[in-house]
Amino acid sequence: MSKNTEQKPVKPNNSKVIKKLVFMVFAMFGFGFALVPLYDVFCDITGLNGKTNDVAVVYSDNGIDTSRTIKVQFITRMAKGIPWQFEPMINEISVHPGEMKFVNFFAKNEANHDITGQAVPSVSPGLAAGYFQKIECFCFERQPLKSGEEVEMGLQFYVDIDLPVDIHTLTLSYTLYDITEKKDS
């Protein structure tokens, strides 16, 4: 006697796969939020990224090391879409560690409307960022310029006397962003 045995199709259990995928989505979302603070901690530990002080420091007169000369280069760039001229008035300067210097940057709003700009600094090599001390800087404040207005903006700084001896050149780069508040129409 032969029994007619039919095999019923096995229904796949998709709920486990769906649960794993949902978990992965939430994990990636959480990791995305955690990435910025983790990156900041990494940069603080390793000295990478070239972040400079974002508030004024008080000049500490620990003497001037005249046996060393550091070349400080200045470069500027505009974030996409900001119609300004923005450039250093001098491209590089020589400075002894501990010596205070003052340089100017030129900005002109070439748009047909008012724009508020914000300059964000970065120092290269990143390890030197902690030794580049800004006493006064236009980057500490927003820079509102009317259409066609031009301005000279000052930077007063010194290179800390404890700058590692193997660093001979610093590059200070500013990126200018349009932070004008958009008005609802």
N, C-alpha and C. Protein backbone atom coordinates (compact mmCIF):
# COMPACT_ATOMS: atom_id res chain seq x y z
N MET A 1 0.81 -1.18 0.00
CA MET A 1 0.00 0.00 0.00
C MET A 1 0.87 1.25 0.00
N SER A 2 0.60 2.04 -0.88
CA SER A 2 1.40 3.24 -1.00
C SER A 2 0.54 4.44 -0.68
N LYS A 3 1.03 5.15 0.21
CA LYS A 3 0.31 6.37 0.60
C LYS A 3 0.73 7.51 -0.31
N ASN A 4 -0.20 8.28 -0.68
CA ASN A 4 0.09 9.44 -1.51
C ASN A 4 0.50 10.59 -0.58
N THR A 5 1.79 10.80 -0.51
CA THR A 5 2.28 11.86 0.38
C THR A 5 2.67 13.08 -0.44
N GLU A 6 2.01 14.10 -0.16
CA GLU A 6 2.33 15.36 -0.83
C GLU A 6 3.12 16.24 0.15
N GLN A 7 4.12 16.84 -0.39
CA GLN A 7 4.87 17.78 0.44
C GLN A 7 4.28 19.16 0.26
N LYS A 8 3.96 19.75 1.36
CA LYS A 8 3.42 21.11 1.30
C LYS A 8 4.59 22.08 1.20
N PRO A 9 4.44 23.14 0.41
CA PRO A 9 5.54 24.12 0.33
C PRO A 9 5.81 24.75 1.69
N VAL A 10 7.08 24.89 1.97
CA VAL A 10 7.48 25.50 3.24
C VAL A 10 7.40 27.02 3.08
N LYS A 11 6.70 27.60 3.99
CA LYS A 11 6.54 29.05 3.97
C LYS A 11 7.75 29.67 4.67
N PRO A 12 8.49 30.53 3.96
CA PRO A 12 9.66 31.13 4.61
C PRO A 12 9.25 32.05 5.75
N ASN A 13 10.09 32.07 6.78
CA ASN A 13 9.83 32.92 7.95
C ASN A 13 10.56 34.24 7.73
N ASN A 14 9.85 35.21 7.19
CA ASN A 14 10.43 36.51 6.88
C ASN A 14 10.51 37.43 8.09
N SER A 15 9.83 37.12 9.14
CA SER A 15 9.82 38.03 10.29
C SER A 15 11.21 38.17 10.91
N LYS A 16 12.02 37.10 10.91
CA LYS A 16 13.38 37.21 11.46
C LYS A 16 14.23 38.13 10.59
N VAL A 17 14.11 37.97 9.29
CA VAL A 17 14.88 38.81 8.37
C VAL A 17 14.46 40.27 8.51
N ILE A 18 13.18 40.52 8.60
CA ILE A 18 12.67 41.89 8.73
C ILE A 18 13.15 42.51 10.04
N LYS A 19 13.12 41.75 11.12
CA LYS A 19 13.59 42.26 12.41
C LYS A 19 15.07 42.63 12.34
N LYS A 20 15.87 41.79 11.70
CA LYS A 20 17.31 42.07 11.57
C LYS A 20 17.53 43.32 10.73
N LEU A 21 16.77 43.47 9.65
CA LEU A 21 16.93 44.65 8.80
C LEU A 21 16.52 45.93 9.53
N VAL A 22 15.43 45.88 10.28
CA VAL A 22 14.99 47.04 11.05
C VAL A 22 16.04 47.40 12.09
N PHE A 23 16.59 46.39 12.75
CA PHE A 23 17.65 46.64 13.73
C PHE A 23 18.85 47.31 13.06
N MET A 24 19.24 46.83 11.86
CA MET A 24 20.38 47.41 11.14
C MET A 24 20.11 48.88 10.79
N VAL A 25 18.90 49.19 10.37
CA VAL A 25 18.56 50.57 10.03
C VAL A 25 18.71 51.47 11.25
N PHE A 26 18.17 51.05 12.39
CA PHE A 26 18.30 51.86 13.61
C PHE A 26 19.75 51.96 14.08
N ALA A 27 20.51 50.89 13.93
CA ALA A 27 21.92 50.91 14.33
C ALA A 27 22.70 51.89 13.45
N MET A 28 22.46 51.87 12.16
CA MET A 28 23.16 52.80 11.26
C MET A 28 22.76 54.25 11.55
N PHE A 29 21.48 54.47 11.81
CA PHE A 29 20.99 55.81 12.15
C PHE A 29 21.67 56.31 13.43
N GLY A 30 21.74 55.47 14.45
CA GLY A 30 22.41 55.83 15.70
C GLY A 30 23.89 56.09 15.51
N PHE A 31 24.54 55.25 14.70
CA PHE A 31 25.96 55.44 14.43
C PHE A 31 26.20 56.76 13.72
N GLY A 32 25.30 57.14 12.81
CA GLY A 32 25.42 58.42 12.11
C GLY A 32 25.40 59.60 13.07
N PHE A 33 24.53 59.54 14.09
CA PHE A 33 24.49 60.61 15.10
C PHE A 33 25.74 60.59 15.98
N ALA A 34 26.25 59.42 16.28
CA ALA A 34 27.42 59.31 17.16
C ALA A 34 28.71 59.65 16.44
N LEU A 35 28.70 59.66 15.12
CA LEU A 35 29.92 59.85 14.36
C LEU A 35 30.57 61.21 14.60
N VAL A 36 29.79 62.28 14.66
CA VAL A 36 30.37 63.62 14.84
C VAL A 36 31.08 63.75 16.19
N PRO A 37 30.44 63.41 17.32
CA PRO A 37 31.19 63.50 18.58
C PRO A 37 32.39 62.54 18.63
N LEU A 38 32.25 61.38 18.04
CA LEU A 38 33.39 60.44 18.02
C LEU A 38 34.54 61.01 17.20
N TYR A 39 34.22 61.66 16.08
CA TYR A 39 35.24 62.27 15.26
C TYR A 39 35.95 63.39 16.02
N ASP A 40 35.17 64.21 16.74
CA ASP A 40 35.77 65.29 17.54
C ASP A 40 36.72 64.73 18.60
N VAL A 41 36.32 63.66 19.27
CA VAL A 41 37.17 63.04 20.28
C VAL A 41 38.44 62.49 19.62
N PHE A 42 38.29 61.83 18.49
CA PHE A 42 39.44 61.30 17.76
C PHE A 42 40.41 62.41 17.39
N CYS A 43 39.87 63.53 16.89
CA CYS A 43 40.72 64.65 16.49
C CYS A 43 41.42 65.28 17.69
N ASP A 44 40.72 65.37 18.82
CA ASP A 44 41.33 65.92 20.03
C ASP A 44 42.48 65.04 20.50
N ILE A 45 42.30 63.74 20.45
CA ILE A 45 43.32 62.80 20.91
C ILE A 45 44.54 62.80 19.99
N THR A 46 44.28 62.77 18.66
CA THR A 46 45.37 62.64 17.70
C THR A 46 45.96 63.97 17.24
N GLY A 47 45.23 65.06 17.49
CA GLY A 47 45.72 66.36 17.03
C GLY A 47 45.45 66.60 15.55
N LEU A 48 44.63 65.77 14.94
CA LEU A 48 44.31 65.94 13.52
C LEU A 48 43.18 66.93 13.35
N ASN A 49 42.93 67.31 12.13
CA ASN A 49 41.81 68.13 11.70
C ASN A 49 42.12 69.62 11.68
N GLY A 50 43.13 70.10 12.34
CA GLY A 50 43.53 71.49 12.22
C GLY A 50 42.60 72.50 12.85
N LYS A 51 41.75 72.08 13.79
CA LYS A 51 40.86 73.04 14.44
C LYS A 51 41.67 74.00 15.29
N THR A 52 41.33 75.28 15.18
CA THR A 52 42.01 76.29 15.99
C THR A 52 41.06 76.74 17.09
N ASN A 53 41.59 77.60 17.96
CA ASN A 53 40.72 78.13 19.02
C ASN A 53 39.60 78.95 18.40
N ASP A 54 38.41 78.82 18.98
CA ASP A 54 37.27 79.58 18.44
C ASP A 54 36.89 80.76 19.34
N VAL A 55 37.72 81.03 20.32
CA VAL A 55 37.58 82.22 21.16
C VAL A 55 38.96 82.84 21.30
N ALA A 56 38.98 84.12 21.59
CA ALA A 56 40.25 84.84 21.72
C ALA A 56 41.06 84.32 22.90
N VAL A 57 42.37 84.28 22.71
CA VAL A 57 43.27 83.93 23.81
C VAL A 57 43.99 85.20 24.24
N VAL A 58 44.51 85.16 25.42
CA VAL A 58 45.31 86.27 25.93
C VAL A 58 46.76 85.97 25.59
N TYR A 59 47.44 86.97 25.05
CA TYR A 59 48.84 86.79 24.67
C TYR A 59 49.66 86.49 25.92
N SER A 60 50.38 85.38 25.87
CA SER A 60 51.26 85.04 26.99
C SER A 60 52.69 85.29 26.55
N ASP A 61 53.30 86.26 27.20
CA ASP A 61 54.66 86.66 26.85
C ASP A 61 55.66 85.72 27.51
N ASN A 62 55.91 84.60 26.83
CA ASN A 62 56.90 83.65 27.33
C ASN A 62 58.23 83.83 26.61
N GLY A 63 58.41 85.01 26.04
CA GLY A 63 59.62 85.27 25.29
C GLY A 63 59.42 84.96 23.82
N ILE A 64 60.37 85.38 23.02
CA ILE A 64 60.34 85.14 21.59
C ILE A 64 61.56 84.32 21.22
N ASP A 65 61.33 83.22 20.52
CA ASP A 65 62.42 82.34 20.10
C ASP A 65 62.95 82.84 18.76
N THR A 66 63.94 83.73 18.80
CA THR A 66 64.49 84.32 17.58
C THR A 66 65.39 83.35 16.82
N SER A 67 65.67 82.20 17.41
CA SER A 67 66.50 81.22 16.71
C SER A 67 65.69 80.43 15.67
N ARG A 68 64.37 80.56 15.72
CA ARG A 68 63.50 79.84 14.79
C ARG A 68 62.63 80.83 14.03
N THR A 69 62.39 80.53 12.76
CA THR A 69 61.48 81.32 11.95
C THR A 69 60.46 80.36 11.34
N ILE A 70 59.20 80.70 11.53
CA ILE A 70 58.10 79.89 11.02
C ILE A 70 57.43 80.67 9.89
N LYS A 71 57.19 80.00 8.77
CA LYS A 71 56.47 80.62 7.67
C LYS A 71 54.99 80.30 7.87
N VAL A 72 54.17 81.36 7.92
CA VAL A 72 52.72 81.20 8.06
C VAL A 72 52.10 81.63 6.73
N GLN A 73 51.39 80.69 6.09
CA GLN A 73 50.73 80.96 4.82
C GLN A 73 49.24 81.15 5.06
N PHE A 74 48.64 82.00 4.25
CA PHE A 74 47.21 82.29 4.38
C PHE A 74 46.51 81.97 3.07
N ILE A 75 45.47 81.16 3.14
CA ILE A 75 44.66 80.87 1.96
C ILE A 75 43.19 81.00 2.32
N THR A 76 42.40 81.34 1.33
CA THR A 76 40.96 81.51 1.55
C THR A 76 40.20 80.80 0.44
N ARG A 77 38.99 80.42 0.77
CA ARG A 77 38.08 79.87 -0.24
C ARG A 77 36.66 80.19 0.19
N MET A 78 35.78 80.20 -0.79
CA MET A 78 34.37 80.44 -0.50
C MET A 78 33.60 79.14 -0.64
N ALA A 79 32.68 78.93 0.27
CA ALA A 79 31.78 77.80 0.12
C ALA A 79 30.93 78.04 -1.13
N LYS A 80 30.42 76.99 -1.68
CA LYS A 80 29.65 77.09 -2.93
C LYS A 80 28.49 78.08 -2.79
N GLY A 81 28.44 78.98 -3.74
CA GLY A 81 27.28 79.87 -3.82
C GLY A 81 27.40 81.20 -3.11
N ILE A 82 28.54 81.52 -2.49
CA ILE A 82 28.66 82.82 -1.82
C ILE A 82 29.41 83.78 -2.75
N PRO A 83 28.72 84.82 -3.23
CA PRO A 83 29.31 85.73 -4.22
C PRO A 83 30.14 86.85 -3.57
N TRP A 84 31.18 86.49 -2.89
CA TRP A 84 32.08 87.44 -2.26
C TRP A 84 33.47 87.32 -2.87
N GLN A 85 34.21 88.40 -2.81
CA GLN A 85 35.66 88.34 -2.94
C GLN A 85 36.16 88.17 -1.51
N PHE A 86 37.08 87.28 -1.32
CA PHE A 86 37.61 87.05 0.03
C PHE A 86 39.04 86.55 -0.14
N GLU A 87 39.99 87.35 0.35
CA GLU A 87 41.40 86.99 0.16
C GLU A 87 42.28 87.64 1.21
N PRO A 88 43.43 87.01 1.48
CA PRO A 88 44.37 87.63 2.41
C PRO A 88 45.06 88.82 1.72
N MET A 89 45.39 89.82 2.48
CA MET A 89 46.08 90.98 1.91
C MET A 89 47.57 90.68 1.76
N ILE A 90 48.02 89.64 2.44
CA ILE A 90 49.38 89.14 2.30
C ILE A 90 49.27 87.62 2.32
N ASN A 91 49.99 86.95 1.44
CA ASN A 91 49.85 85.49 1.31
C ASN A 91 50.67 84.70 2.32
N GLU A 92 51.76 85.28 2.78
CA GLU A 92 52.55 84.60 3.81
C GLU A 92 53.37 85.60 4.59
N ILE A 93 53.74 85.18 5.78
CA ILE A 93 54.51 86.04 6.67
C ILE A 93 55.45 85.16 7.48
N SER A 94 56.60 85.69 7.81
CA SER A 94 57.54 84.97 8.67
C SER A 94 57.36 85.46 10.09
N VAL A 95 57.40 84.53 11.02
CA VAL A 95 57.18 84.87 12.42
C VAL A 95 58.07 84.00 13.30
N HIS A 96 58.57 84.60 14.37
CA HIS A 96 59.32 83.83 15.37
C HIS A 96 58.31 83.31 16.39
N PRO A 97 58.46 82.07 16.85
CA PRO A 97 57.55 81.59 17.90
C PRO A 97 57.54 82.55 19.09
N GLY A 98 56.33 82.90 19.54
CA GLY A 98 56.17 83.83 20.65
C GLY A 98 55.96 85.27 20.20
N GLU A 99 56.20 85.56 18.92
CA GLU A 99 56.07 86.92 18.38
C GLU A 99 54.63 87.16 17.90
N MET A 100 54.06 88.29 18.30
CA MET A 100 52.71 88.63 17.91
C MET A 100 52.73 89.30 16.53
N LYS A 101 51.76 88.92 15.68
CA LYS A 101 51.66 89.49 14.34
C LYS A 101 50.22 89.89 14.06
N PHE A 102 50.05 90.82 13.10
CA PHE A 102 48.73 91.29 12.70
C PHE A 102 48.68 91.26 11.17
N VAL A 103 47.63 90.64 10.62
CA VAL A 103 47.43 90.62 9.17
C VAL A 103 45.97 90.95 8.88
N ASN A 104 45.72 91.41 7.65
CA ASN A 104 44.37 91.76 7.23
C ASN A 104 43.89 90.87 6.09
N PHE A 105 42.60 90.70 6.02
CA PHE A 105 41.94 90.00 4.94
C PHE A 105 40.93 90.95 4.32
N PHE A 106 40.75 90.84 3.01
CA PHE A 106 39.83 91.70 2.28
C PHE A 106 38.57 90.90 1.93
N ALA A 107 37.42 91.54 2.10
CA ALA A 107 36.16 90.91 1.71
C ALA A 107 35.29 91.94 1.02
N LYS A 108 34.59 91.50 -0.02
CA LYS A 108 33.63 92.36 -0.72
C LYS A 108 32.43 91.52 -1.11
N ASN A 109 31.26 92.04 -0.80
CA ASN A 109 30.01 91.39 -1.18
C ASN A 109 29.66 91.82 -2.60
N GLU A 110 29.75 90.91 -3.55
CA GLU A 110 29.47 91.22 -4.94
C GLU A 110 28.04 90.88 -5.34
N ALA A 111 27.23 90.48 -4.37
CA ALA A 111 25.83 90.15 -4.66
C ALA A 111 24.99 91.42 -4.71
N ASN A 112 23.78 91.31 -5.23
CA ASN A 112 22.87 92.45 -5.27
C ASN A 112 21.96 92.47 -4.05
N HIS A 113 22.37 91.75 -3.00
CA HIS A 113 21.61 91.73 -1.74
C HIS A 113 22.61 91.58 -0.58
N ASP A 114 22.15 91.90 0.61
CA ASP A 114 23.01 91.80 1.81
C ASP A 114 23.27 90.32 2.11
N ILE A 115 24.48 90.04 2.59
CA ILE A 115 24.85 88.68 2.96
C ILE A 115 25.62 88.73 4.26
N THR A 116 25.36 87.78 5.13
CA THR A 116 26.15 87.61 6.34
C THR A 116 27.04 86.39 6.14
N GLY A 117 28.34 86.60 6.30
CA GLY A 117 29.31 85.53 6.12
C GLY A 117 29.93 85.12 7.44
N GLN A 118 30.42 83.90 7.48
CA GLN A 118 31.15 83.39 8.64
C GLN A 118 32.36 82.63 8.12
N ALA A 119 33.54 83.03 8.57
CA ALA A 119 34.77 82.36 8.17
C ALA A 119 35.11 81.27 9.19
N VAL A 120 35.44 80.10 8.68
CA VAL A 120 35.81 78.97 9.54
C VAL A 120 37.27 78.62 9.26
N PRO A 121 38.13 78.71 10.30
CA PRO A 121 39.55 78.49 10.10
C PRO A 121 39.96 77.02 10.25
N SER A 122 41.09 76.71 9.65
CA SER A 122 41.72 75.41 9.80
C SER A 122 43.22 75.60 9.63
N VAL A 123 44.01 74.90 10.42
CA VAL A 123 45.47 75.00 10.34
C VAL A 123 46.04 73.67 9.90
N SER A 124 47.01 73.77 9.02
CA SER A 124 47.72 72.58 8.55
C SER A 124 49.21 72.82 8.79
N PRO A 125 49.96 71.85 9.26
CA PRO A 125 49.55 70.51 9.64
C PRO A 125 48.66 70.54 10.89
N GLY A 126 47.77 69.56 10.98
CA GLY A 126 46.80 69.52 12.07
C GLY A 126 47.43 69.54 13.44
N LEU A 127 48.60 68.93 13.57
CA LEU A 127 49.29 68.90 14.86
C LEU A 127 49.65 70.30 15.35
N ALA A 128 49.83 71.24 14.43
CA ALA A 128 50.23 72.59 14.79
C ALA A 128 49.05 73.47 15.20
N ALA A 129 47.84 73.00 15.00
CA ALA A 129 46.65 73.84 15.27
C ALA A 129 46.61 74.32 16.71
N GLY A 130 47.01 73.50 17.64
CA GLY A 130 47.00 73.89 19.04
C GLY A 130 48.05 74.92 19.41
N TYR A 131 48.98 75.18 18.50
CA TYR A 131 50.05 76.14 18.76
C TYR A 131 49.82 77.47 18.04
N PHE A 132 48.79 77.52 17.19
CA PHE A 132 48.44 78.76 16.50
C PHE A 132 47.38 79.45 17.33
N GLN A 133 47.74 80.57 17.95
CA GLN A 133 46.86 81.24 18.91
C GLN A 133 46.33 82.54 18.33
N LYS A 134 45.01 82.63 18.21
CA LYS A 134 44.38 83.85 17.70
C LYS A 134 43.97 84.74 18.88
N ILE A 135 44.49 85.97 18.88
CA ILE A 135 44.16 86.94 19.92
C ILE A 135 42.89 87.70 19.51
N GLU A 136 42.86 88.14 18.26
CA GLU A 136 41.68 88.77 17.68
C GLU A 136 41.50 88.16 16.30
N CYS A 137 40.25 87.89 15.93
CA CYS A 137 40.01 87.30 14.62
C CYS A 137 38.60 87.62 14.14
N PHE A 138 38.51 88.00 12.88
CA PHE A 138 37.21 88.24 12.27
C PHE A 138 36.37 86.96 12.26
N CYS A 139 37.03 85.81 12.39
CA CYS A 139 36.30 84.54 12.38
C CYS A 139 35.51 84.30 13.67
N PHE A 140 35.75 85.10 14.70
CA PHE A 140 34.99 84.96 15.94
C PHE A 140 33.58 85.52 15.80
N GLU A 141 33.36 86.37 14.80
CA GLU A 141 32.09 87.06 14.64
C GLU A 141 31.53 86.84 13.24
N ARG A 142 30.22 86.99 13.12
CA ARG A 142 29.57 87.02 11.81
C ARG A 142 29.97 88.30 11.11
N GLN A 143 30.04 88.24 9.79
CA GLN A 143 30.44 89.41 9.01
C GLN A 143 29.31 89.81 8.06
N PRO A 144 28.42 90.71 8.52
CA PRO A 144 27.34 91.16 7.63
C PRO A 144 27.86 92.24 6.68
N LEU A 145 27.66 92.03 5.38
CA LEU A 145 28.05 93.03 4.39
C LEU A 145 26.86 93.34 3.50
N LYS A 146 26.64 94.64 3.30
CA LYS A 146 25.59 95.08 2.39
C LYS A 146 26.06 94.84 0.96
N SER A 147 25.14 94.86 0.04
CA SER A 147 25.47 94.67 -1.36
C SER A 147 26.53 95.69 -1.80
N GLY A 148 27.62 95.20 -2.38
CA GLY A 148 28.70 96.08 -2.85
C GLY A 148 29.66 96.55 -1.78
N GLU A 149 29.38 96.29 -0.51
CA GLU A 149 30.24 96.75 0.58
C GLU A 149 31.53 95.93 0.62
N GLU A 150 32.62 96.61 0.97
CA GLU A 150 33.90 95.93 1.14
C GLU A 150 34.49 96.31 2.48
N VAL A 151 35.34 95.42 3.00
CA VAL A 151 35.88 95.62 4.34
C VAL A 151 37.23 94.91 4.46
N GLU A 152 38.09 95.49 5.31
CA GLU A 152 39.31 94.80 5.72
C GLU A 152 39.06 94.22 7.10
N MET A 153 39.38 92.95 7.25
CA MET A 153 39.14 92.25 8.52
C MET A 153 40.47 91.79 9.08
N GLY A 154 40.66 92.04 10.37
CA GLY A 154 41.95 91.78 10.99
C GLY A 154 42.07 90.45 11.71
N LEU A 155 43.30 89.97 11.75
CA LEU A 155 43.67 88.78 12.51
C LEU A 155 44.95 89.10 13.27
N GLN A 156 44.88 88.97 14.59
CA GLN A 156 46.07 89.15 15.42
C GLN A 156 46.37 87.79 16.04
N PHE A 157 47.60 87.32 15.90
CA PHE A 157 47.93 85.96 16.33
C PHE A 157 49.39 85.87 16.78
N TYR A 158 49.71 84.75 17.36
CA TYR A 158 51.09 84.36 17.60
C TYR A 158 51.18 82.85 17.52
N VAL A 159 52.37 82.38 17.23
CA VAL A 159 52.65 80.95 17.23
C VAL A 159 53.30 80.63 18.56
N ASP A 160 52.72 79.69 19.27
CA ASP A 160 53.22 79.33 20.60
C ASP A 160 54.68 78.90 20.54
N ILE A 161 55.43 79.33 21.54
CA ILE A 161 56.86 79.05 21.60
C ILE A 161 57.14 77.54 21.72
N ASP A 162 56.14 76.77 22.15
CA ASP A 162 56.31 75.32 22.30
C ASP A 162 56.01 74.53 21.03
N LEU A 163 55.83 75.23 19.89
CA LEU A 163 55.62 74.54 18.63
C LEU A 163 56.75 73.55 18.39
N PRO A 164 56.44 72.30 18.04
CA PRO A 164 57.50 71.31 17.80
C PRO A 164 58.53 71.83 16.79
N VAL A 165 59.79 71.54 17.05
CA VAL A 165 60.88 72.09 16.24
C VAL A 165 60.89 71.56 14.81
N ASP A 166 60.23 70.46 14.54
CA ASP A 166 60.22 69.93 13.18
C ASP A 166 59.16 70.59 12.29
N ILE A 167 58.38 71.51 12.83
CA ILE A 167 57.38 72.23 12.04
C ILE A 167 57.95 73.60 11.67
N HIS A 168 58.05 73.84 10.36
CA HIS A 168 58.63 75.09 9.88
C HIS A 168 57.64 75.95 9.11
N THR A 169 56.51 75.34 8.71
CA THR A 169 55.50 76.06 7.93
C THR A 169 54.12 75.71 8.45
N LEU A 170 53.30 76.75 8.64
CA LEU A 170 51.89 76.57 9.01
C LEU A 170 51.06 77.18 7.89
N THR A 171 49.94 76.57 7.59
CA THR A 171 49.01 77.13 6.62
C THR A 171 47.69 77.36 7.32
N LEU A 172 47.27 78.60 7.35
CA LEU A 172 45.97 78.96 7.92
C LEU A 172 45.01 79.14 6.75
N SER A 173 43.98 78.32 6.74
CA SER A 173 42.99 78.35 5.68
C SER A 173 41.65 78.78 6.25
N TYR A 174 40.99 79.70 5.57
CA TYR A 174 39.64 80.12 5.95
C TYR A 174 38.67 79.72 4.85
N THR A 175 37.56 79.13 5.24
CA THR A 175 36.46 78.89 4.32
C THR A 175 35.32 79.80 4.74
N LEU A 176 34.80 80.56 3.79
CA LEU A 176 33.74 81.52 4.08
C LEU A 176 32.39 80.92 3.70
N TYR A 177 31.45 80.95 4.64
CA TYR A 177 30.11 80.40 4.44
C TYR A 177 29.07 81.51 4.50
N ASP A 178 28.02 81.35 3.71
CA ASP A 178 26.88 82.25 3.76
C ASP A 178 25.95 81.76 4.87
N ILE A 179 25.82 82.56 5.93
CA ILE A 179 24.95 82.17 7.05
C ILE A 179 23.77 83.13 7.18
N THR A 180 23.47 83.83 6.07
CA THR A 180 22.33 84.74 6.07
C THR A 180 21.07 83.98 6.38
N GLU A 181 20.30 84.51 7.31
CA GLU A 181 19.03 83.87 7.65
C GLU A 181 18.06 84.09 6.50
N LYS A 182 17.48 83.00 6.04
CA LYS A 182 16.52 83.07 4.94
C LYS A 182 15.17 83.54 5.48
N LYS A 183 14.58 84.51 4.79
CA LYS A 183 13.28 85.03 5.21
C LYS A 183 12.19 84.26 4.48
N ASP A 184 11.13 83.92 5.19
CA ASP A 184 10.00 83.24 4.57
C ASP A 184 9.28 84.19 3.63
N SER A 185 8.95 83.70 2.47
CA SER A 185 8.24 84.54 1.49
C SER A 185 6.76 84.49 1.69
